[in-house]
């Protein structure tokens, strides 16, 4: 029971349909404390739906979603204060000024970090007394991020949080994420389509495809140990990878194998003339794992 209470996200058998179409299918997912997990999937794969389900913002058809051992649909007030969420689209009260918005949310969170708010407002050059509706899209996104960080959450859920930021804004934001993990051991789930940003901050990556998390692993380990091998199918069958991620081809023709090998195996494979072996970029991995 104690392990569940310390586990930020625990999902089992999650299924969800929208408009009669199955989006999430018996999905399992667990996230360890203090990690940054990059959630990757094609457009329409269900990343936002998954995030909304794990936060209890959408009803689910089957399965369980728990945050710190509590049902996401029935979180206690104390657990809610441990969590922050930045949605893909702004949900700010646009008739207020930034100062009024932050003052309102300060009343809701006993652990409000006013020094952090002031530091980020100044660093990101956001006006306190301008009506939010008059801010640019990028400024609104920065304000959403500040609101989420202000109460020092233990779990931070980000759905495409930098899509409207310029390169300098993304750099500052990503640096802030890294600092939070180092200083606060904040657990971060980070959905994005900007793979270069993900490579700078993610500890783990999780691929969402066909309604399930088809693979999750340390980004460094995945990039070091994963290769794509093309060879006759009879040759591929003789290989002994540590883990097969994807395989295609028939017994009578050339096949393709996406798999993970030990470093010793990879060195041996480099000298073989009967295979073609390719190291993959994160973009290559994304295409292979979400095809």
C-alpha atoms as a PDB file:
ATOM      1  CA  UNK A   1       0.000   0.000   0.000  1.00  0.00           C
ATOM      2  CA  UNK A   2       2.861   2.390   0.813  1.00  0.00           C
ATOM      3  CA  UNK A   3       4.335   1.803  -2.654  1.00  0.00           C
ATOM      4  CA  UNK A   4       1.033   2.854  -4.231  1.00  0.00           C
ATOM      5  CA  UNK A   5       0.909   6.012  -2.142  1.00  0.00           C
ATOM      6  CA  UNK A   6       4.369   6.955  -3.427  1.00  0.00           C
ATOM      7  CA  UNK A   7       3.603   6.103  -7.068  1.00  0.00           C
ATOM      8  CA  UNK A   8       2.557   9.278  -8.906  1.00  0.00           C
ATOM      9  CA  UNK A   9       0.735   7.537 -11.769  1.00  0.00           C
ATOM     10  CA  UNK A  10      -0.617   3.987 -11.832  1.00  0.00           C
ATOM     11  CA  UNK A  11      -2.929   2.996 -14.709  1.00  0.00           C
ATOM     12  CA  UNK A  12      -4.281  -0.499 -15.310  1.00  0.00           C
ATOM     13  CA  UNK A  13      -6.542  -1.699 -18.096  1.00  0.00           C
ATOM     14  CA  UNK A  14      -7.606   1.791 -19.159  1.00  0.00           C
ATOM     15  CA  UNK A  15     -10.062   1.851 -22.059  1.00  0.00           C
ATOM     16  CA  UNK A  16     -11.779   4.899 -23.515  1.00  0.00           C
ATOM     17  CA  UNK A  17     -13.854   5.414 -26.649  1.00  0.00           C
ATOM     18  CA  UNK A  18     -14.798   8.739 -28.222  1.00  0.00           C
ATOM     19  CA  UNK A  19     -17.539   9.016 -30.840  1.00  0.00           C
ATOM     20  CA  UNK A  20     -17.817   5.258 -30.997  1.00  0.00           C
ATOM     21  CA  UNK A  21     -14.104   4.805 -31.745  1.00  0.00           C
ATOM     22  CA  UNK A  22     -11.732   3.120 -29.300  1.00  0.00           C
ATOM     23  CA  UNK A  23      -8.941   5.581 -28.453  1.00  0.00           C
ATOM     24  CA  UNK A  24      -7.317   3.848 -25.464  1.00  0.00           C
ATOM     25  CA  UNK A  25      -7.366   0.050 -25.327  1.00  0.00           C
ATOM     26  CA  UNK A  26      -6.652  -1.827 -22.101  1.00  0.00           C
ATOM     27  CA  UNK A  27      -3.707   0.502 -21.459  1.00  0.00           C
ATOM     28  CA  UNK A  28      -1.252  -0.038 -18.592  1.00  0.00           C
ATOM     29  CA  UNK A  29       1.180   2.660 -17.471  1.00  0.00           C
ATOM     30  CA  UNK A  30       3.219   3.399 -14.360  1.00  0.00           C
ATOM     31  CA  UNK A  31       5.488   6.367 -13.709  1.00  0.00           C
ATOM     32  CA  UNK A  32       8.231   6.363 -11.094  1.00  0.00           C
ATOM     33  CA  UNK A  33       8.703   9.275  -8.675  1.00  0.00           C
ATOM     34  CA  UNK A  34      11.168  11.993  -9.645  1.00  0.00           C
ATOM     35  CA  UNK A  35      11.338  11.171 -13.356  1.00  0.00           C
ATOM     36  CA  UNK A  36      10.661  13.177 -16.502  1.00  0.00           C
ATOM     37  CA  UNK A  37       8.671  11.043 -18.924  1.00  0.00           C
ATOM     38  CA  UNK A  38       8.191  12.185 -22.504  1.00  0.00           C
ATOM     39  CA  UNK A  39       4.903  10.929 -23.970  1.00  0.00           C
ATOM     40  CA  UNK A  40       5.133  10.464 -27.743  1.00  0.00           C
ATOM     41  CA  UNK A  41       2.478   9.565 -30.280  1.00  0.00           C
ATOM     42  CA  UNK A  42       1.160  10.549 -33.686  1.00  0.00           C
ATOM     43  CA  UNK A  43      -1.473  13.272 -34.011  1.00  0.00           C
ATOM     44  CA  UNK A  44      -4.771  11.718 -32.979  1.00  0.00           C
ATOM     45  CA  UNK A  45      -3.102   8.860 -31.113  1.00  0.00           C
ATOM     46  CA  UNK A  46      -4.897   9.857 -27.894  1.00  0.00           C
ATOM     47  CA  UNK A  47      -2.171  11.634 -25.887  1.00  0.00           C
ATOM     48  CA  UNK A  48      -4.483  14.395 -24.646  1.00  0.00           C
ATOM     49  CA  UNK A  49      -7.253  11.876 -23.950  1.00  0.00           C
ATOM     50  CA  UNK A  50      -4.823   9.762 -21.927  1.00  0.00           C
ATOM     51  CA  UNK A  51      -3.704  12.789 -19.912  1.00  0.00           C
ATOM     52  CA  UNK A  52      -7.292  13.873 -19.252  1.00  0.00           C
ATOM     53  CA  UNK A  53      -8.227  10.353 -18.147  1.00  0.00           C
ATOM     54  CA  UNK A  54      -5.261  10.018 -15.804  1.00  0.00           C
ATOM     55  CA  UNK A  55      -6.198  13.363 -14.215  1.00  0.00           C
ATOM     56  CA  UNK A  56      -9.852  12.385 -13.791  1.00  0.00           C
ATOM     57  CA  UNK A  57     -10.999  15.046 -16.260  1.00  0.00           C
ATOM     58  CA  UNK A  58     -12.699  12.431 -18.458  1.00  0.00           C
ATOM     59  CA  UNK A  59     -14.808   9.467 -17.454  1.00  0.00           C
ATOM     60  CA  UNK A  60     -13.237   6.161 -18.411  1.00  0.00           C
ATOM     61  CA  UNK A  61     -14.966   3.122 -19.889  1.00  0.00           C
ATOM     62  CA  UNK A  62     -12.912   0.492 -18.073  1.00  0.00           C
ATOM     63  CA  UNK A  63      -9.821   0.089 -15.910  1.00  0.00           C
ATOM     64  CA  UNK A  64      -8.355   2.135 -13.080  1.00  0.00           C
ATOM     65  CA  UNK A  65      -6.346   5.362 -12.940  1.00  0.00           C
ATOM     66  CA  UNK A  66      -4.660   6.274  -9.666  1.00  0.00           C
ATOM     67  CA  UNK A  67      -2.581   9.245  -8.576  1.00  0.00           C
ATOM     68  CA  UNK A  68      -0.615   8.667  -5.382  1.00  0.00           C
ATOM     69  CA  UNK A  69      -2.817   5.673  -4.590  1.00  0.00           C
ATOM     70  CA  UNK A  70      -6.146   7.496  -4.996  1.00  0.00           C
ATOM     71  CA  UNK A  71      -8.685   7.118  -7.780  1.00  0.00           C
ATOM     72  CA  UNK A  72      -8.175   9.978 -10.248  1.00  0.00           C
ATOM     73  CA  UNK A  73     -11.937  10.538 -10.278  1.00  0.00           C
ATOM     74  CA  UNK A  74     -12.093  10.977  -6.483  1.00  0.00           C
ATOM     75  CA  UNK A  75      -8.929  12.756  -5.422  1.00  0.00           C
ATOM     76  CA  UNK A  76      -8.728  14.195  -1.937  1.00  0.00           C
ATOM     77  CA  UNK A  77      -8.108  17.913  -1.510  1.00  0.00           C
ATOM     78  CA  UNK A  78      -4.607  17.166  -0.206  1.00  0.00           C
ATOM     79  CA  UNK A  79      -3.677  15.071  -3.249  1.00  0.00           C
ATOM     80  CA  UNK A  80      -5.021  17.723  -5.624  1.00  0.00           C
ATOM     81  CA  UNK A  81      -2.573  20.229  -4.132  1.00  0.00           C
ATOM     82  CA  UNK A  82       0.281  17.853  -5.056  1.00  0.00           C
ATOM     83  CA  UNK A  83      -0.598  17.972  -8.769  1.00  0.00           C
ATOM     84  CA  UNK A  84      -0.380  20.625 -11.485  1.00  0.00           C
ATOM     85  CA  UNK A  85      -1.519  20.528 -15.102  1.00  0.00           C
ATOM     86  CA  UNK A  86      -0.777  22.712 -18.125  1.00  0.00           C
ATOM     87  CA  UNK A  87      -3.296  21.894 -20.897  1.00  0.00           C
ATOM     88  CA  UNK A  88      -2.633  22.182 -24.594  1.00  0.00           C
ATOM     89  CA  UNK A  89      -5.129  25.044 -24.880  1.00  0.00           C
ATOM     90  CA  UNK A  90      -5.258  27.954 -22.456  1.00  0.00           C
ATOM     91  CA  UNK A  91      -7.807  27.612 -19.642  1.00  0.00           C
ATOM     92  CA  UNK A  92      -6.967  30.937 -17.985  1.00  0.00           C
ATOM     93  CA  UNK A  93      -9.650  33.333 -16.764  1.00  0.00           C
ATOM     94  CA  UNK A  94      -9.074  35.789 -19.573  1.00  0.00           C
ATOM     95  CA  UNK A  95     -11.148  38.634 -18.077  1.00  0.00           C
ATOM     96  CA  UNK A  96      -8.656  38.909 -15.187  1.00  0.00           C
ATOM     97  CA  UNK A  97      -5.187  40.391 -15.118  1.00  0.00           C
ATOM     98  CA  UNK A  98      -2.228  38.131 -14.425  1.00  0.00           C
ATOM     99  CA  UNK A  99      -1.963  39.591 -10.913  1.00  0.00           C
ATOM    100  CA  UNK A 100      -5.637  38.865 -10.178  1.00  0.00           C
ATOM    101  CA  UNK A 101      -5.362  35.338 -11.550  1.00  0.00           C
ATOM    102  CA  UNK A 102      -2.293  34.497  -9.485  1.00  0.00           C
ATOM    103  CA  UNK A 103      -3.803  36.055  -6.351  1.00  0.00           C
ATOM    104  CA  UNK A 104      -6.915  33.913  -6.786  1.00  0.00           C
ATOM    105  CA  UNK A 105      -4.933  30.678  -7.127  1.00  0.00           C
ATOM    106  CA  UNK A 106      -2.670  31.639  -4.233  1.00  0.00           C
ATOM    107  CA  UNK A 107      -5.702  31.358  -1.959  1.00  0.00           C
ATOM    108  CA  UNK A 108      -6.219  27.749  -3.059  1.00  0.00           C
ATOM    109  CA  UNK A 109      -2.723  26.439  -2.415  1.00  0.00           C
ATOM    110  CA  UNK A 110      -1.077  26.551   1.020  1.00  0.00           C
ATOM    111  CA  UNK A 111       2.391  25.880  -0.460  1.00  0.00           C
ATOM    112  CA  UNK A 112       2.335  28.838  -2.836  1.00  0.00           C
ATOM    113  CA  UNK A 113       5.868  29.942  -3.763  1.00  0.00           C
ATOM    114  CA  UNK A 114       5.548  33.687  -4.301  1.00  0.00           C
ATOM    115  CA  UNK A 115       9.284  34.128  -4.766  1.00  0.00           C
ATOM    116  CA  UNK A 116       9.207  31.646  -7.650  1.00  0.00           C
ATOM    117  CA  UNK A 117       6.243  33.452  -9.221  1.00  0.00           C
ATOM    118  CA  UNK A 118       7.949  36.827  -9.073  1.00  0.00           C
ATOM    119  CA  UNK A 119      11.204  35.397 -10.405  1.00  0.00           C
ATOM    120  CA  UNK A 120       9.533  33.778 -13.425  1.00  0.00           C
ATOM    121  CA  UNK A 121       7.246  36.748 -14.137  1.00  0.00           C
ATOM    122  CA  UNK A 122      10.340  38.945 -14.278  1.00  0.00           C
ATOM    123  CA  UNK A 123      12.514  36.493 -16.190  1.00  0.00           C
ATOM    124  CA  UNK A 124       9.805  35.856 -18.779  1.00  0.00           C
ATOM    125  CA  UNK A 125       8.882  39.555 -18.968  1.00  0.00           C
ATOM    126  CA  UNK A 126       5.177  39.075 -18.273  1.00  0.00           C
ATOM    127  CA  UNK A 127       3.061  42.106 -17.278  1.00  0.00           C
ATOM    128  CA  UNK A 128       1.166  41.745 -13.998  1.00  0.00           C
ATOM    129  CA  UNK A 129      -1.588  44.248 -14.746  1.00  0.00           C
ATOM    130  CA  UNK A 130      -2.510  43.555 -18.358  1.00  0.00           C
ATOM    131  CA  UNK A 131      -5.812  41.761 -18.994  1.00  0.00           C
ATOM    132  CA  UNK A 132      -5.040  38.175 -19.969  1.00  0.00           C
ATOM    133  CA  UNK A 133      -7.171  38.349 -23.122  1.00  0.00           C
ATOM    134  CA  UNK A 134      -4.764  41.027 -24.395  1.00  0.00           C
ATOM    135  CA  UNK A 135      -1.686  38.818 -23.969  1.00  0.00           C
ATOM    136  CA  UNK A 136      -0.113  36.984 -26.893  1.00  0.00           C
ATOM    137  CA  UNK A 137      -0.550  33.218 -27.222  1.00  0.00           C
ATOM    138  CA  UNK A 138       3.029  32.691 -26.050  1.00  0.00           C
ATOM    139  CA  UNK A 139       2.527  34.971 -23.039  1.00  0.00           C
ATOM    140  CA  UNK A 140      -0.614  33.069 -22.056  1.00  0.00           C
ATOM    141  CA  UNK A 141       1.294  29.813 -22.254  1.00  0.00           C
ATOM    142  CA  UNK A 142       4.057  31.210 -20.033  1.00  0.00           C
ATOM    143  CA  UNK A 143       1.453  32.383 -17.522  1.00  0.00           C
ATOM    144  CA  UNK A 144      -0.160  28.916 -17.502  1.00  0.00           C
ATOM    145  CA  UNK A 145       3.232  27.400 -16.753  1.00  0.00           C
ATOM    146  CA  UNK A 146       3.879  29.868 -13.908  1.00  0.00           C
ATOM    147  CA  UNK A 147       0.468  29.128 -12.406  1.00  0.00           C
ATOM    148  CA  UNK A 148       1.266  25.403 -12.517  1.00  0.00           C
ATOM    149  CA  UNK A 149       4.732  25.759 -10.961  1.00  0.00           C
ATOM    150  CA  UNK A 150       3.713  28.269  -8.298  1.00  0.00           C
ATOM    151  CA  UNK A 151       2.560  25.783  -5.656  1.00  0.00           C
ATOM    152  CA  UNK A 152       5.608  23.499  -5.998  1.00  0.00           C
ATOM    153  CA  UNK A 153       3.695  20.437  -7.242  1.00  0.00           C
ATOM    154  CA  UNK A 154       5.074  16.951  -6.796  1.00  0.00           C
ATOM    155  CA  UNK A 155       3.489  15.807 -10.082  1.00  0.00           C
ATOM    156  CA  UNK A 156       3.465  18.112 -13.112  1.00  0.00           C
ATOM    157  CA  UNK A 157       1.471  17.110 -16.213  1.00  0.00           C
ATOM    158  CA  UNK A 158       2.266  19.058 -19.393  1.00  0.00           C
ATOM    159  CA  UNK A 159       0.305  18.665 -22.643  1.00  0.00           C
ATOM    160  CA  UNK A 160       2.256  20.302 -25.501  1.00  0.00           C
ATOM    161  CA  UNK A 161       3.387  23.091 -23.136  1.00  0.00           C
ATOM    162  CA  UNK A 162       5.862  24.820 -25.459  1.00  0.00           C
ATOM    163  CA  UNK A 163       4.026  24.729 -28.780  1.00  0.00           C
ATOM    164  CA  UNK A 164       3.486  28.504 -28.733  1.00  0.00           C
ATOM    165  CA  UNK A 165       6.874  29.517 -27.324  1.00  0.00           C
ATOM    166  CA  UNK A 166       9.775  30.804 -29.370  1.00  0.00           C
ATOM    167  CA  UNK A 167      13.154  28.994 -29.148  1.00  0.00           C
ATOM    168  CA  UNK A 168      14.384  31.261 -26.322  1.00  0.00           C
ATOM    169  CA  UNK A 169      11.177  30.697 -24.369  1.00  0.00           C
ATOM    170  CA  UNK A 170      11.416  26.934 -24.843  1.00  0.00           C
ATOM    171  CA  UNK A 171      15.045  26.964 -23.683  1.00  0.00           C
ATOM    172  CA  UNK A 172      14.165  28.865 -20.487  1.00  0.00           C
ATOM    173  CA  UNK A 173      11.188  26.617 -19.807  1.00  0.00           C
ATOM    174  CA  UNK A 174      13.176  23.405 -20.282  1.00  0.00           C
ATOM    175  CA  UNK A 175      15.911  24.693 -17.988  1.00  0.00           C
ATOM    176  CA  UNK A 176      13.232  25.332 -15.350  1.00  0.00           C
ATOM    177  CA  UNK A 177      11.991  21.733 -15.690  1.00  0.00           C
ATOM    178  CA  UNK A 178      15.477  20.336 -15.189  1.00  0.00           C
ATOM    179  CA  UNK A 179      16.001  22.559 -12.150  1.00  0.00           C
ATOM    180  CA  UNK A 180      12.723  21.358 -10.627  1.00  0.00           C
ATOM    181  CA  UNK A 181      13.686  17.692 -10.892  1.00  0.00           C
ATOM    182  CA  UNK A 182      17.104  18.386  -9.397  1.00  0.00           C
ATOM    183  CA  UNK A 183      15.845  20.612  -6.559  1.00  0.00           C
ATOM    184  CA  UNK A 184      12.356  19.269  -5.804  1.00  0.00           C
ATOM    185  CA  UNK A 185      12.356  15.735  -7.266  1.00  0.00           C
ATOM    186  CA  UNK A 186       9.211  16.712  -9.170  1.00  0.00           C
ATOM    187  CA  UNK A 187       7.706  13.983 -11.352  1.00  0.00           C
ATOM    188  CA  UNK A 188       6.951  15.350 -14.826  1.00  0.00           C
ATOM    189  CA  UNK A 189       4.879  13.915 -17.670  1.00  0.00           C
ATOM    190  CA  UNK A 190       5.669  15.866 -20.802  1.00  0.00           C
ATOM    191  CA  UNK A 191       3.680  15.384 -24.017  1.00  0.00           C
ATOM    192  CA  UNK A 192       5.277  17.102 -26.990  1.00  0.00           C
ATOM    193  CA  UNK A 193       5.843  16.793 -30.728  1.00  0.00           C
ATOM    194  CA  UNK A 194       9.108  18.771 -30.606  1.00  0.00           C
ATOM    195  CA  UNK A 195      11.556  15.890 -30.357  1.00  0.00           C
ATOM    196  CA  UNK A 196      14.648  18.075 -29.973  1.00  0.00           C
ATOM    197  CA  UNK A 197      13.174  19.541 -26.778  1.00  0.00           C
ATOM    198  CA  UNK A 198      12.373  16.097 -25.470  1.00  0.00           C
ATOM    199  CA  UNK A 199      15.950  14.951 -26.031  1.00  0.00           C
ATOM    200  CA  UNK A 200      17.164  17.783 -23.794  1.00  0.00           C
ATOM    201  CA  UNK A 201      15.050  16.970 -20.743  1.00  0.00           C
ATOM    202  CA  UNK A 202      13.434  13.524 -20.797  1.00  0.00           C
ATOM    203  CA  UNK A 203      14.748  10.716 -18.627  1.00  0.00           C
ATOM    204  CA  UNK A 204      12.272   8.205 -20.061  1.00  0.00           C
ATOM    205  CA  UNK A 205      10.190   8.085 -23.220  1.00  0.00           C
ATOM    206  CA  UNK A 206       6.834   6.358 -23.622  1.00  0.00           C
ATOM    207  CA  UNK A 207       5.326   5.618 -27.040  1.00  0.00           C
ATOM    208  CA  UNK A 208       1.536   5.648 -27.424  1.00  0.00           C
ATOM    209  CA  UNK A 209       0.334   3.693 -30.451  1.00  0.00           C
ATOM    210  CA  UNK A 210      -2.890   1.840 -31.254  1.00  0.00           C
ATOM    211  CA  UNK A 211      -4.361   2.794 -27.900  1.00  0.00           C
ATOM    212  CA  UNK A 212      -1.540   1.418 -25.736  1.00  0.00           C
ATOM    213  CA  UNK A 213       1.848   2.336 -24.315  1.00  0.00           C
ATOM    214  CA  UNK A 214       3.821   0.061 -26.609  1.00  0.00           C
ATOM    215  CA  UNK A 215       7.228   0.820 -25.115  1.00  0.00           C
ATOM    216  CA  UNK A 216       8.745   2.853 -22.275  1.00  0.00           C
ATOM    217  CA  UNK A 217      12.434   3.108 -21.470  1.00  0.00           C
ATOM    218  CA  UNK A 218      15.250   5.376 -20.407  1.00  0.00           C
ATOM    219  CA  UNK A 219      15.986   7.640 -23.371  1.00  0.00           C
ATOM    220  CA  UNK A 220      19.754   7.129 -23.054  1.00  0.00           C
ATOM    221  CA  UNK A 221      19.492   3.339 -22.884  1.00  0.00           C
ATOM    222  CA  UNK A 222      17.102   3.230 -25.806  1.00  0.00           C
ATOM    223  CA  UNK A 223      19.313   5.340 -28.043  1.00  0.00           C
ATOM    224  CA  UNK A 224      22.447   3.381 -27.089  1.00  0.00           C
ATOM    225  CA  UNK A 225      21.076  -0.129 -27.519  1.00  0.00           C
ATOM    226  CA  UNK A 226      18.397  -0.001 -30.228  1.00  0.00           C
ATOM    227  CA  UNK A 227      19.145  -0.704 -33.892  1.00  0.00           C
ATOM    228  CA  UNK A 228      17.243  -1.518 -37.041  1.00  0.00           C
ATOM    229  CA  UNK A 229      18.495  -4.574 -38.919  1.00  0.00           C
ATOM    230  CA  UNK A 230      17.557  -5.553 -42.457  1.00  0.00           C
ATOM    231  CA  UNK A 231      18.477  -9.048 -43.602  1.00  0.00           C
ATOM    232  CA  UNK A 232      17.055 -12.278 -44.923  1.00  0.00           C
ATOM    233  CA  UNK A 233      14.344 -13.477 -42.583  1.00  0.00           C
ATOM    234  CA  UNK A 234      16.275 -16.691 -41.971  1.00  0.00           C
ATOM    235  CA  UNK A 235      19.217 -14.599 -40.735  1.00  0.00           C
ATOM    236  CA  UNK A 236      17.022 -12.471 -38.481  1.00  0.00           C
ATOM    237  CA  UNK A 237      15.607 -15.599 -36.868  1.00  0.00           C
ATOM    238  CA  UNK A 238      19.110 -16.588 -35.747  1.00  0.00           C
ATOM    239  CA  UNK A 239      19.769 -13.344 -33.883  1.00  0.00           C
ATOM    240  CA  UNK A 240      19.181 -13.235 -30.146  1.00  0.00           C
ATOM    241  CA  UNK A 241      18.334  -9.632 -29.187  1.00  0.00           C
ATOM    242  CA  UNK A 242      17.693  -8.624 -25.608  1.00  0.00           C
ATOM    243  CA  UNK A 243      14.290  -7.293 -26.700  1.00  0.00           C
ATOM    244  CA  UNK A 244      12.386  -7.224 -29.990  1.00  0.00           C
ATOM    245  CA  UNK A 245      10.421  -4.010 -30.492  1.00  0.00           C
ATOM    246  CA  UNK A 246       9.120  -4.468 -34.047  1.00  0.00           C
ATOM    247  CA  UNK A 247       9.587  -7.126 -36.715  1.00  0.00           C
ATOM    248  CA  UNK A 248       8.281  -7.442 -40.271  1.00  0.00           C
ATOM    249  CA  UNK A 249       8.795  -9.691 -43.271  1.00  0.00           C
ATOM    250  CA  UNK A 250       7.993 -13.284 -44.190  1.00  0.00           C
ATOM    251  CA  UNK A 251      10.067 -16.412 -43.947  1.00  0.00           C
ATOM    252  CA  UNK A 252      10.875 -16.317 -47.670  1.00  0.00           C
ATOM    253  CA  UNK A 253      12.084 -12.729 -48.127  1.00  0.00           C
ATOM    254  CA  UNK A 254      14.066  -9.940 -46.500  1.00  0.00           C
ATOM    255  CA  UNK A 255      12.791  -8.767 -43.154  1.00  0.00           C
ATOM    256  CA  UNK A 256      13.266  -5.834 -40.857  1.00  0.00           C
ATOM    257  CA  UNK A 257      13.957  -6.079 -37.140  1.00  0.00           C
ATOM    258  CA  UNK A 258      13.847  -3.243 -34.627  1.00  0.00           C
ATOM    259  CA  UNK A 259      15.487  -4.593 -31.498  1.00  0.00           C
ATOM    260  CA  UNK A 260      17.774  -3.963 -28.562  1.00  0.00           C
ATOM    261  CA  UNK A 261      21.108  -5.673 -28.094  1.00  0.00           C
ATOM    262  CA  UNK A 262      23.899  -5.579 -25.533  1.00  0.00           C
ATOM    263  CA  UNK A 263      26.952  -3.520 -26.418  1.00  0.00           C
ATOM    264  CA  UNK A 264      28.946  -6.731 -26.931  1.00  0.00           C
ATOM    265  CA  UNK A 265      26.348  -8.000 -29.386  1.00  0.00           C
ATOM    266  CA  UNK A 266      26.313  -4.690 -31.264  1.00  0.00           C
ATOM    267  CA  UNK A 267      30.085  -4.811 -31.725  1.00  0.00           C
ATOM    268  CA  UNK A 268      29.824  -8.319 -33.148  1.00  0.00           C
ATOM    269  CA  UNK A 269      26.967  -7.358 -35.466  1.00  0.00           C
ATOM    270  CA  UNK A 270      29.000  -4.521 -36.977  1.00  0.00           C
ATOM    271  CA  UNK A 271      31.344  -7.036 -38.605  1.00  0.00           C
ATOM    272  CA  UNK A 272      28.670  -9.157 -40.256  1.00  0.00           C
ATOM    273  CA  UNK A 273      28.300  -8.938 -44.029  1.00  0.00           C
ATOM    274  CA  UNK A 274      24.875 -10.601 -44.222  1.00  0.00           C
ATOM    275  CA  UNK A 275      22.979  -7.799 -42.466  1.00  0.00           C
ATOM    276  CA  UNK A 276      22.470  -4.045 -42.763  1.00  0.00           C
ATOM    277  CA  UNK A 277      22.402  -2.382 -39.360  1.00  0.00           C
ATOM    278  CA  UNK A 278      21.264   1.217 -38.739  1.00  0.00           C
ATOM    279  CA  UNK A 279      21.570   3.272 -35.591  1.00  0.00           C
ATOM    280  CA  UNK A 280      18.437   5.350 -35.063  1.00  0.00           C
ATOM    281  CA  UNK A 281      17.713   8.942 -34.114  1.00  0.00           C
ATOM    282  CA  UNK A 282      14.797   9.721 -31.806  1.00  0.00           C
ATOM    283  CA  UNK A 283      12.843  10.791 -34.886  1.00  0.00           C
ATOM    284  CA  UNK A 284      13.543   7.390 -36.463  1.00  0.00           C
ATOM    285  CA  UNK A 285      12.413   5.666 -33.270  1.00  0.00           C
ATOM    286  CA  UNK A 286       9.240   7.746 -33.193  1.00  0.00           C
ATOM    287  CA  UNK A 287       8.375   6.744 -36.762  1.00  0.00           C
ATOM    288  CA  UNK A 288       9.145   3.069 -36.153  1.00  0.00           C
ATOM    289  CA  UNK A 289       7.299   2.784 -32.828  1.00  0.00           C
ATOM    290  CA  UNK A 290       4.167   4.710 -33.810  1.00  0.00           C
ATOM    291  CA  UNK A 291       3.715   3.382 -37.351  1.00  0.00           C
END
